[in-house]
């Protein structure tokens, strides 16, 4: 291709760390990128509208977009001990969540999908109203009593105590306990219309960008901190350490099993359309 590939990913430290070398032209023989920053609730919608060549999206949105996009085998976020949390103002029992109002960052997020599977298994009668709020507004809303609980992701795992909140439940712990698999959170997808040669070249370039970031973490630091905004540098490092791991370099057998397991369970509950047999195949 002669034009840059239009890519959208979040300003979160794991994404800027992963894509730093690629976005700044330091990966040999890589496609040129035109980068847009957008939170994942926005990129999920972009994917459904087919607006970008390459996107970081929630795994939960894949059943709606895999006709037009291919799942890349690298660059995404899976892991262990990194799941979304349900936070409340006061410690309590899981059953207390029944009928309560819960704020979530997106109804098409993997966090929300894991939450719905957890609620179906653990909260008799289910929760009450679910409201969608921007990620940064959820913890203040819980603290201020605007909602009864909040579903949070990313660096909130390290900062919720600063808001005086308690962790009612860890969606990742529930997922890992019931499946033994890593937690699938964010995926990298690219338009199938780009063609197999471009897709393979792109995947190789993303994997190289990941390896380069690991080899020289300081090289990405200005890019990471620029877009992390007010995040404490120590929290930034914790964020990267948690979400950039072996599955970022290569989904591998366990990674693909986790993705298929999540979406198969969700389809069985009627939460997402069923996947086609070969839907997760790269090319």
C-alpha atoms as a PDB file:
ATOM      1  CA  UNK A   1       0.000   0.000   0.000  1.00  0.00           C
ATOM      2  CA  UNK A   2       1.162   3.532  -0.706  1.00  0.00           C
ATOM      3  CA  UNK A   3      -1.031   5.371   1.828  1.00  0.00           C
ATOM      4  CA  UNK A   4      -0.572   5.137   5.606  1.00  0.00           C
ATOM      5  CA  UNK A   5      -2.818   2.716   7.460  1.00  0.00           C
ATOM      6  CA  UNK A   6      -5.365   4.514   9.610  1.00  0.00           C
ATOM      7  CA  UNK A   7      -5.113   3.082  13.125  1.00  0.00           C
ATOM      8  CA  UNK A   8      -6.930   3.972  16.334  1.00  0.00           C
ATOM      9  CA  UNK A   9      -5.863   2.850  19.791  1.00  0.00           C
ATOM     10  CA  UNK A  10      -6.213   4.212  23.291  1.00  0.00           C
ATOM     11  CA  UNK A  11      -3.838   6.634  25.035  1.00  0.00           C
ATOM     12  CA  UNK A  12      -3.416   4.058  27.818  1.00  0.00           C
ATOM     13  CA  UNK A  13       0.192   3.160  28.706  1.00  0.00           C
ATOM     14  CA  UNK A  14      -0.019  -0.421  27.431  1.00  0.00           C
ATOM     15  CA  UNK A  15      -1.061   0.732  23.943  1.00  0.00           C
ATOM     16  CA  UNK A  16       1.452   3.570  23.650  1.00  0.00           C
ATOM     17  CA  UNK A  17       4.191   1.259  24.956  1.00  0.00           C
ATOM     18  CA  UNK A  18       3.313  -1.427  22.394  1.00  0.00           C
ATOM     19  CA  UNK A  19       2.981   0.903  19.411  1.00  0.00           C
ATOM     20  CA  UNK A  20       5.723   3.439  20.163  1.00  0.00           C
ATOM     21  CA  UNK A  21       8.391   2.012  17.852  1.00  0.00           C
ATOM     22  CA  UNK A  22       5.902   1.300  15.063  1.00  0.00           C
ATOM     23  CA  UNK A  23       4.161   4.679  15.290  1.00  0.00           C
ATOM     24  CA  UNK A  24       7.504   6.486  15.135  1.00  0.00           C
ATOM     25  CA  UNK A  25       8.942   4.651  12.159  1.00  0.00           C
ATOM     26  CA  UNK A  26      11.570   2.634  14.034  1.00  0.00           C
ATOM     27  CA  UNK A  27      10.377  -0.809  12.875  1.00  0.00           C
ATOM     28  CA  UNK A  28      12.115  -1.851   9.626  1.00  0.00           C
ATOM     29  CA  UNK A  29       9.870  -2.676   6.657  1.00  0.00           C
ATOM     30  CA  UNK A  30       6.722  -1.745   8.566  1.00  0.00           C
ATOM     31  CA  UNK A  31       3.624  -0.126   7.093  1.00  0.00           C
ATOM     32  CA  UNK A  32       3.324   3.587   7.784  1.00  0.00           C
ATOM     33  CA  UNK A  33       0.623   4.462  10.306  1.00  0.00           C
ATOM     34  CA  UNK A  34      -1.664   7.455  10.757  1.00  0.00           C
ATOM     35  CA  UNK A  35      -2.562   7.299  14.464  1.00  0.00           C
ATOM     36  CA  UNK A  36      -5.790   8.438  16.122  1.00  0.00           C
ATOM     37  CA  UNK A  37      -6.243   8.171  19.881  1.00  0.00           C
ATOM     38  CA  UNK A  38      -9.638   7.051  21.142  1.00  0.00           C
ATOM     39  CA  UNK A  39     -10.892   5.230  24.221  1.00  0.00           C
ATOM     40  CA  UNK A  40     -12.042   1.692  23.633  1.00  0.00           C
ATOM     41  CA  UNK A  41     -15.746   2.454  23.858  1.00  0.00           C
ATOM     42  CA  UNK A  42     -15.232   4.699  20.826  1.00  0.00           C
ATOM     43  CA  UNK A  43     -13.033   2.271  18.896  1.00  0.00           C
ATOM     44  CA  UNK A  44     -15.633  -0.461  19.363  1.00  0.00           C
ATOM     45  CA  UNK A  45     -18.128   1.754  17.544  1.00  0.00           C
ATOM     46  CA  UNK A  46     -15.561   2.624  14.891  1.00  0.00           C
ATOM     47  CA  UNK A  47     -15.082  -1.074  14.210  1.00  0.00           C
ATOM     48  CA  UNK A  48     -18.802  -1.679  13.855  1.00  0.00           C
ATOM     49  CA  UNK A  49     -18.951   1.183  11.340  1.00  0.00           C
ATOM     50  CA  UNK A  50     -15.808   0.005   9.527  1.00  0.00           C
ATOM     51  CA  UNK A  51     -14.128   3.391   9.906  1.00  0.00           C
ATOM     52  CA  UNK A  52     -10.424   2.486  10.343  1.00  0.00           C
ATOM     53  CA  UNK A  53      -7.947   0.073   8.789  1.00  0.00           C
ATOM     54  CA  UNK A  54      -6.618  -1.081  12.173  1.00  0.00           C
ATOM     55  CA  UNK A  55      -8.193  -0.789  15.623  1.00  0.00           C
ATOM     56  CA  UNK A  56      -7.706  -1.734  19.258  1.00  0.00           C
ATOM     57  CA  UNK A  57     -11.118  -3.016  20.378  1.00  0.00           C
ATOM     58  CA  UNK A  58     -12.730  -5.085  23.093  1.00  0.00           C
ATOM     59  CA  UNK A  59     -12.757  -8.824  22.460  1.00  0.00           C
ATOM     60  CA  UNK A  60     -16.468  -8.605  23.237  1.00  0.00           C
ATOM     61  CA  UNK A  61     -17.132  -6.722  19.990  1.00  0.00           C
ATOM     62  CA  UNK A  62     -15.544  -9.363  17.732  1.00  0.00           C
ATOM     63  CA  UNK A  63     -18.743 -11.293  16.939  1.00  0.00           C
ATOM     64  CA  UNK A  64     -20.134  -8.160  15.278  1.00  0.00           C
ATOM     65  CA  UNK A  65     -17.064  -7.212  13.202  1.00  0.00           C
ATOM     66  CA  UNK A  66     -15.175 -10.348  12.126  1.00  0.00           C
ATOM     67  CA  UNK A  67     -16.813 -10.464   8.711  1.00  0.00           C
ATOM     68  CA  UNK A  68     -14.870  -7.321   7.803  1.00  0.00           C
ATOM     69  CA  UNK A  69     -11.924  -7.452  10.208  1.00  0.00           C
ATOM     70  CA  UNK A  70      -9.333 -10.106  11.031  1.00  0.00           C
ATOM     71  CA  UNK A  71      -8.083 -10.692  14.569  1.00  0.00           C
ATOM     72  CA  UNK A  72      -4.321 -10.127  14.661  1.00  0.00           C
ATOM     73  CA  UNK A  73      -2.315 -12.662  16.699  1.00  0.00           C
ATOM     74  CA  UNK A  74      -0.376  -9.976  18.599  1.00  0.00           C
ATOM     75  CA  UNK A  75      -0.542  -6.497  20.102  1.00  0.00           C
ATOM     76  CA  UNK A  76      -3.600  -7.035  22.293  1.00  0.00           C
ATOM     77  CA  UNK A  77      -4.210  -7.350  26.012  1.00  0.00           C
ATOM     78  CA  UNK A  78      -4.763 -10.655  27.758  1.00  0.00           C
ATOM     79  CA  UNK A  79      -3.352 -11.796  31.033  1.00  0.00           C
ATOM     80  CA  UNK A  80      -3.778 -13.151  34.510  1.00  0.00           C
ATOM     81  CA  UNK A  81      -4.621 -11.129  37.584  1.00  0.00           C
ATOM     82  CA  UNK A  82      -5.699  -8.192  35.436  1.00  0.00           C
ATOM     83  CA  UNK A  83      -9.459  -8.446  35.298  1.00  0.00           C
ATOM     84  CA  UNK A  84     -12.082  -5.727  35.775  1.00  0.00           C
ATOM     85  CA  UNK A  85     -13.212  -4.941  39.328  1.00  0.00           C
ATOM     86  CA  UNK A  86     -16.608  -4.188  40.824  1.00  0.00           C
ATOM     87  CA  UNK A  87     -16.192  -1.351  43.317  1.00  0.00           C
ATOM     88  CA  UNK A  88     -18.524  -0.110  46.060  1.00  0.00           C
ATOM     89  CA  UNK A  89     -18.360   2.588  48.719  1.00  0.00           C
ATOM     90  CA  UNK A  90     -18.478   0.094  51.591  1.00  0.00           C
ATOM     91  CA  UNK A  91     -17.388  -3.545  51.894  1.00  0.00           C
ATOM     92  CA  UNK A  92     -20.297  -5.909  51.411  1.00  0.00           C
ATOM     93  CA  UNK A  93     -21.533  -9.220  50.104  1.00  0.00           C
ATOM     94  CA  UNK A  94     -21.926 -10.000  46.428  1.00  0.00           C
ATOM     95  CA  UNK A  95     -25.633 -10.700  46.988  1.00  0.00           C
ATOM     96  CA  UNK A  96     -26.048  -7.070  48.091  1.00  0.00           C
ATOM     97  CA  UNK A  97     -25.582  -6.019  44.452  1.00  0.00           C
ATOM     98  CA  UNK A  98     -28.980  -7.481  43.506  1.00  0.00           C
ATOM     99  CA  UNK A  99     -31.237  -4.786  42.097  1.00  0.00           C
ATOM    100  CA  UNK A 100     -28.578  -2.071  42.460  1.00  0.00           C
ATOM    101  CA  UNK A 101     -27.419   0.544  39.951  1.00  0.00           C
ATOM    102  CA  UNK A 102     -24.037  -0.190  38.389  1.00  0.00           C
ATOM    103  CA  UNK A 103     -21.915   2.104  36.209  1.00  0.00           C
ATOM    104  CA  UNK A 104     -19.958   0.448  33.390  1.00  0.00           C
ATOM    105  CA  UNK A 105     -17.514   1.922  30.841  1.00  0.00           C
ATOM    106  CA  UNK A 106     -19.202   0.439  27.746  1.00  0.00           C
ATOM    107  CA  UNK A 107     -21.928  -2.066  26.979  1.00  0.00           C
ATOM    108  CA  UNK A 108     -19.759  -3.618  24.261  1.00  0.00           C
ATOM    109  CA  UNK A 109     -16.626  -3.914  26.409  1.00  0.00           C
ATOM    110  CA  UNK A 110     -15.058  -7.205  27.437  1.00  0.00           C
ATOM    111  CA  UNK A 111     -15.275  -5.935  31.015  1.00  0.00           C
ATOM    112  CA  UNK A 112     -19.051  -5.710  30.731  1.00  0.00           C
ATOM    113  CA  UNK A 113     -19.263  -9.129  29.114  1.00  0.00           C
ATOM    114  CA  UNK A 114     -17.237 -10.677  31.956  1.00  0.00           C
ATOM    115  CA  UNK A 115     -19.446  -8.773  34.398  1.00  0.00           C
ATOM    116  CA  UNK A 116     -22.651 -10.134  32.857  1.00  0.00           C
ATOM    117  CA  UNK A 117     -21.337 -13.695  32.978  1.00  0.00           C
ATOM    118  CA  UNK A 118     -20.355 -13.160  36.632  1.00  0.00           C
ATOM    119  CA  UNK A 119     -23.726 -11.649  37.544  1.00  0.00           C
ATOM    120  CA  UNK A 120     -25.567 -14.563  35.926  1.00  0.00           C
ATOM    121  CA  UNK A 121     -23.567 -16.978  38.084  1.00  0.00           C
ATOM    122  CA  UNK A 122     -23.193 -15.073  41.345  1.00  0.00           C
ATOM    123  CA  UNK A 123     -25.925 -12.432  41.850  1.00  0.00           C
ATOM    124  CA  UNK A 124     -29.375 -13.956  42.449  1.00  0.00           C
ATOM    125  CA  UNK A 125     -31.982 -11.930  40.585  1.00  0.00           C
ATOM    126  CA  UNK A 126     -29.339  -9.885  38.799  1.00  0.00           C
ATOM    127  CA  UNK A 127     -28.453  -6.212  39.164  1.00  0.00           C
ATOM    128  CA  UNK A 128     -30.819  -3.306  38.595  1.00  0.00           C
ATOM    129  CA  UNK A 129     -30.068  -0.415  36.258  1.00  0.00           C
ATOM    130  CA  UNK A 130     -26.828  -0.352  34.279  1.00  0.00           C
ATOM    131  CA  UNK A 131     -25.577   3.089  33.268  1.00  0.00           C
ATOM    132  CA  UNK A 132     -22.710   3.805  30.873  1.00  0.00           C
ATOM    133  CA  UNK A 133     -20.223   6.431  32.049  1.00  0.00           C
ATOM    134  CA  UNK A 134     -16.812   7.487  30.712  1.00  0.00           C
ATOM    135  CA  UNK A 135     -14.133   5.452  32.444  1.00  0.00           C
ATOM    136  CA  UNK A 136     -12.730   8.404  34.402  1.00  0.00           C
ATOM    137  CA  UNK A 137     -16.158   9.286  35.840  1.00  0.00           C
ATOM    138  CA  UNK A 138     -16.981   5.887  37.328  1.00  0.00           C
ATOM    139  CA  UNK A 139     -14.990   5.948  40.569  1.00  0.00           C
ATOM    140  CA  UNK A 140     -16.098   9.499  41.456  1.00  0.00           C
ATOM    141  CA  UNK A 141     -19.715   8.476  40.760  1.00  0.00           C
ATOM    142  CA  UNK A 142     -19.429   5.539  43.169  1.00  0.00           C
ATOM    143  CA  UNK A 143     -17.674   7.666  45.790  1.00  0.00           C
ATOM    144  CA  UNK A 144     -20.321  10.396  45.554  1.00  0.00           C
ATOM    145  CA  UNK A 145     -23.260   7.978  45.768  1.00  0.00           C
ATOM    146  CA  UNK A 146     -24.556   8.636  42.254  1.00  0.00           C
ATOM    147  CA  UNK A 147     -24.440   4.879  41.592  1.00  0.00           C
ATOM    148  CA  UNK A 148     -24.291   1.893  43.923  1.00  0.00           C
ATOM    149  CA  UNK A 149     -21.310   0.224  42.256  1.00  0.00           C
ATOM    150  CA  UNK A 150     -18.920   0.668  39.369  1.00  0.00           C
ATOM    151  CA  UNK A 151     -17.169  -1.680  36.968  1.00  0.00           C
ATOM    152  CA  UNK A 152     -13.627  -0.429  36.396  1.00  0.00           C
ATOM    153  CA  UNK A 153     -10.653  -1.400  34.264  1.00  0.00           C
ATOM    154  CA  UNK A 154      -7.030  -0.456  33.625  1.00  0.00           C
ATOM    155  CA  UNK A 155      -5.174   1.580  36.231  1.00  0.00           C
ATOM    156  CA  UNK A 156      -8.204   1.751  38.559  1.00  0.00           C
ATOM    157  CA  UNK A 157      -6.892  -1.560  39.915  1.00  0.00           C
ATOM    158  CA  UNK A 158      -4.056   0.430  41.460  1.00  0.00           C
ATOM    159  CA  UNK A 159      -5.886   3.641  42.396  1.00  0.00           C
ATOM    160  CA  UNK A 160      -9.399   2.828  43.660  1.00  0.00           C
ATOM    161  CA  UNK A 161      -8.271   3.018  47.300  1.00  0.00           C
ATOM    162  CA  UNK A 162      -7.504   6.708  46.693  1.00  0.00           C
ATOM    163  CA  UNK A 163     -11.265   7.218  46.281  1.00  0.00           C
ATOM    164  CA  UNK A 164     -12.035   5.390  49.526  1.00  0.00           C
ATOM    165  CA  UNK A 165     -13.674   2.526  47.638  1.00  0.00           C
ATOM    166  CA  UNK A 166     -13.800  -1.218  48.292  1.00  0.00           C
ATOM    167  CA  UNK A 167     -13.434  -4.077  45.826  1.00  0.00           C
ATOM    168  CA  UNK A 168     -16.570  -6.189  45.931  1.00  0.00           C
ATOM    169  CA  UNK A 169     -15.450  -8.678  43.289  1.00  0.00           C
ATOM    170  CA  UNK A 170     -12.725  -9.317  40.729  1.00  0.00           C
ATOM    171  CA  UNK A 171     -14.125 -10.430  37.369  1.00  0.00           C
ATOM    172  CA  UNK A 172     -10.728 -11.799  36.401  1.00  0.00           C
ATOM    173  CA  UNK A 173     -10.502 -14.030  39.456  1.00  0.00           C
ATOM    174  CA  UNK A 174     -13.928 -15.451  38.663  1.00  0.00           C
ATOM    175  CA  UNK A 175     -12.975 -16.056  35.019  1.00  0.00           C
ATOM    176  CA  UNK A 176      -9.639 -17.677  35.862  1.00  0.00           C
ATOM    177  CA  UNK A 177     -11.158 -19.821  38.620  1.00  0.00           C
ATOM    178  CA  UNK A 178     -13.904 -21.160  36.355  1.00  0.00           C
ATOM    179  CA  UNK A 179     -11.850 -21.609  33.161  1.00  0.00           C
ATOM    180  CA  UNK A 180      -8.152 -21.751  34.058  1.00  0.00           C
ATOM    181  CA  UNK A 181      -7.549 -19.463  31.082  1.00  0.00           C
ATOM    182  CA  UNK A 182      -6.069 -15.958  30.824  1.00  0.00           C
ATOM    183  CA  UNK A 183      -8.460 -13.007  30.727  1.00  0.00           C
ATOM    184  CA  UNK A 184      -9.099 -11.653  27.208  1.00  0.00           C
ATOM    185  CA  UNK A 185      -9.492  -7.873  27.299  1.00  0.00           C
ATOM    186  CA  UNK A 186      -8.396  -5.937  24.200  1.00  0.00           C
ATOM    187  CA  UNK A 187      -7.779  -7.130  20.641  1.00  0.00           C
ATOM    188  CA  UNK A 188      -6.018  -5.702  17.593  1.00  0.00           C
ATOM    189  CA  UNK A 189      -8.045  -6.086  14.396  1.00  0.00           C
ATOM    190  CA  UNK A 190      -7.361  -5.073  10.800  1.00  0.00           C
ATOM    191  CA  UNK A 191      -9.554  -4.962   7.721  1.00  0.00           C
ATOM    192  CA  UNK A 192      -9.530  -8.169   5.714  1.00  0.00           C
ATOM    193  CA  UNK A 193      -9.730  -6.040   2.561  1.00  0.00           C
ATOM    194  CA  UNK A 194      -6.116  -4.975   3.135  1.00  0.00           C
ATOM    195  CA  UNK A 195      -5.147  -8.415   1.836  1.00  0.00           C
ATOM    196  CA  UNK A 196      -3.046 -11.212   3.283  1.00  0.00           C
ATOM    197  CA  UNK A 197       0.396  -9.748   2.462  1.00  0.00           C
ATOM    198  CA  UNK A 198      -0.375  -6.456   4.227  1.00  0.00           C
ATOM    199  CA  UNK A 199      -1.978  -8.216   7.187  1.00  0.00           C
ATOM    200  CA  UNK A 200       1.048 -10.475   7.656  1.00  0.00           C
ATOM    201  CA  UNK A 201       3.425  -7.530   7.334  1.00  0.00           C
ATOM    202  CA  UNK A 202       1.388  -5.546   9.837  1.00  0.00           C
ATOM    203  CA  UNK A 203       1.308  -8.388  12.373  1.00  0.00           C
ATOM    204  CA  UNK A 204       5.071  -8.873  12.050  1.00  0.00           C
ATOM    205  CA  UNK A 205       5.623  -5.142  12.534  1.00  0.00           C
ATOM    206  CA  UNK A 206       3.437  -5.034  15.668  1.00  0.00           C
ATOM    207  CA  UNK A 207       5.264  -8.012  17.142  1.00  0.00           C
ATOM    208  CA  UNK A 208       8.603  -6.317  16.399  1.00  0.00           C
ATOM    209  CA  UNK A 209       7.342  -3.116  18.050  1.00  0.00           C
ATOM    210  CA  UNK A 210       6.469  -5.104  21.200  1.00  0.00           C
ATOM    211  CA  UNK A 211       9.895  -6.756  21.304  1.00  0.00           C
ATOM    212  CA  UNK A 212      11.650  -3.419  20.740  1.00  0.00           C
ATOM    213  CA  UNK A 213       9.687  -1.874  23.619  1.00  0.00           C
ATOM    214  CA  UNK A 214      10.800  -4.677  25.915  1.00  0.00           C
ATOM    215  CA  UNK A 215      14.411  -4.415  24.754  1.00  0.00           C
ATOM    216  CA  UNK A 216      14.562  -0.663  25.433  1.00  0.00           C
ATOM    217  CA  UNK A 217      11.704   0.433  27.723  1.00  0.00           C
ATOM    218  CA  UNK A 218      13.107   3.934  28.141  1.00  0.00           C
ATOM    219  CA  UNK A 219      12.728   4.655  24.418  1.00  0.00           C
ATOM    220  CA  UNK A 220       8.944   4.591  24.711  1.00  0.00           C
ATOM    221  CA  UNK A 221       8.754   6.529  27.957  1.00  0.00           C
ATOM    222  CA  UNK A 222       8.214  10.042  26.487  1.00  0.00           C
ATOM    223  CA  UNK A 223       5.351   8.762  24.294  1.00  0.00           C
ATOM    224  CA  UNK A 224       3.799   6.831  27.166  1.00  0.00           C
ATOM    225  CA  UNK A 225       3.960   9.700  29.669  1.00  0.00           C
ATOM    226  CA  UNK A 226       2.785  12.276  27.138  1.00  0.00           C
ATOM    227  CA  UNK A 227      -0.487  10.431  26.667  1.00  0.00           C
ATOM    228  CA  UNK A 228      -0.866   9.061  30.195  1.00  0.00           C
ATOM    229  CA  UNK A 229      -1.664  12.655  31.203  1.00  0.00           C
ATOM    230  CA  UNK A 230      -2.016  12.865  34.984  1.00  0.00           C
ATOM    231  CA  UNK A 231      -1.218   9.233  35.722  1.00  0.00           C
ATOM    232  CA  UNK A 232       1.542   8.693  38.271  1.00  0.00           C
ATOM    233  CA  UNK A 233       4.662   7.268  36.552  1.00  0.00           C
ATOM    234  CA  UNK A 234       4.731   4.375  39.040  1.00  0.00           C
ATOM    235  CA  UNK A 235       1.135   3.513  38.123  1.00  0.00           C
ATOM    236  CA  UNK A 236       2.117   3.757  34.463  1.00  0.00           C
ATOM    237  CA  UNK A 237       4.834   1.163  34.996  1.00  0.00           C
ATOM    238  CA  UNK A 238       2.428  -1.118  36.895  1.00  0.00           C
ATOM    239  CA  UNK A 239      -0.097  -0.750  34.095  1.00  0.00           C
ATOM    240  CA  UNK A 240       2.426  -1.776  31.433  1.00  0.00           C
ATOM    241  CA  UNK A 241       3.746  -4.638  33.549  1.00  0.00           C
ATOM    242  CA  UNK A 242       0.259  -6.056  33.970  1.00  0.00           C
ATOM    243  CA  UNK A 243      -1.161  -5.673  30.473  1.00  0.00           C
ATOM    244  CA  UNK A 244       1.879  -6.150  28.216  1.00  0.00           C
ATOM    245  CA  UNK A 245       2.983  -9.769  28.503  1.00  0.00           C
ATOM    246  CA  UNK A 246       3.603 -12.977  26.557  1.00  0.00           C
ATOM    247  CA  UNK A 247       0.124 -12.823  25.016  1.00  0.00           C
ATOM    248  CA  UNK A 248       0.870  -9.353  23.617  1.00  0.00           C
ATOM    249  CA  UNK A 249       3.722 -10.800  21.567  1.00  0.00           C
ATOM    250  CA  UNK A 250       1.726 -13.874  20.500  1.00  0.00           C
ATOM    251  CA  UNK A 251      -1.765 -14.999  21.460  1.00  0.00           C
ATOM    252  CA  UNK A 252      -0.633 -18.615  21.320  1.00  0.00           C
ATOM    253  CA  UNK A 253      -2.771 -21.638  22.109  1.00  0.00           C
ATOM    254  CA  UNK A 254      -3.941 -20.406  25.523  1.00  0.00           C
ATOM    255  CA  UNK A 255      -4.757 -16.954  24.178  1.00  0.00           C
ATOM    256  CA  UNK A 256      -6.938 -18.251  21.372  1.00  0.00           C
ATOM    257  CA  UNK A 257      -8.592 -20.707  23.783  1.00  0.00           C
ATOM    258  CA  UNK A 258      -9.415 -17.818  26.127  1.00  0.00           C
ATOM    259  CA  UNK A 259     -10.956 -15.721  23.356  1.00  0.00           C
ATOM    260  CA  UNK A 260     -12.999 -18.568  21.952  1.00  0.00           C
ATOM    261  CA  UNK A 261     -14.007 -19.643  25.469  1.00  0.00           C
ATOM    262  CA  UNK A 262     -15.248 -16.164  26.381  1.00  0.00           C
ATOM    263  CA  UNK A 263     -17.240 -15.660  23.198  1.00  0.00           C
ATOM    264  CA  UNK A 264     -18.632 -19.203  23.202  1.00  0.00           C
ATOM    265  CA  UNK A 265     -19.860 -18.814  26.793  1.00  0.00           C
ATOM    266  CA  UNK A 266     -21.317 -15.416  26.003  1.00  0.00           C
ATOM    267  CA  UNK A 267     -23.116 -16.760  22.929  1.00  0.00           C
ATOM    268  CA  UNK A 268     -24.558 -19.609  24.988  1.00  0.00           C
ATOM    269  CA  UNK A 269     -26.019 -16.976  27.347  1.00  0.00           C
ATOM    270  CA  UNK A 270     -27.444 -15.043  24.398  1.00  0.00           C
ATOM    271  CA  UNK A 271     -25.145 -12.079  25.014  1.00  0.00           C
ATOM    272  CA  UNK A 272     -23.371 -12.080  21.625  1.00  0.00           C
ATOM    273  CA  UNK A 273     -23.954 -13.690  18.219  1.00  0.00           C
ATOM    274  CA  UNK A 274     -22.266 -17.092  17.803  1.00  0.00           C
ATOM    275  CA  UNK A 275     -18.850 -17.151  16.146  1.00  0.00           C
ATOM    276  CA  UNK A 276     -18.318 -18.865  12.831  1.00  0.00           C
ATOM    277  CA  UNK A 277     -16.011 -21.873  12.887  1.00  0.00           C
ATOM    278  CA  UNK A 278     -13.082 -20.041  11.277  1.00  0.00           C
ATOM    279  CA  UNK A 279     -13.905 -16.523  12.498  1.00  0.00           C
ATOM    280  CA  UNK A 280     -10.778 -16.222  14.661  1.00  0.00           C
ATOM    281  CA  UNK A 281      -8.391 -17.456  11.961  1.00  0.00           C
ATOM    282  CA  UNK A 282      -5.838 -14.774  11.122  1.00  0.00           C
ATOM    283  CA  UNK A 283      -5.535 -15.254   7.340  1.00  0.00           C
END
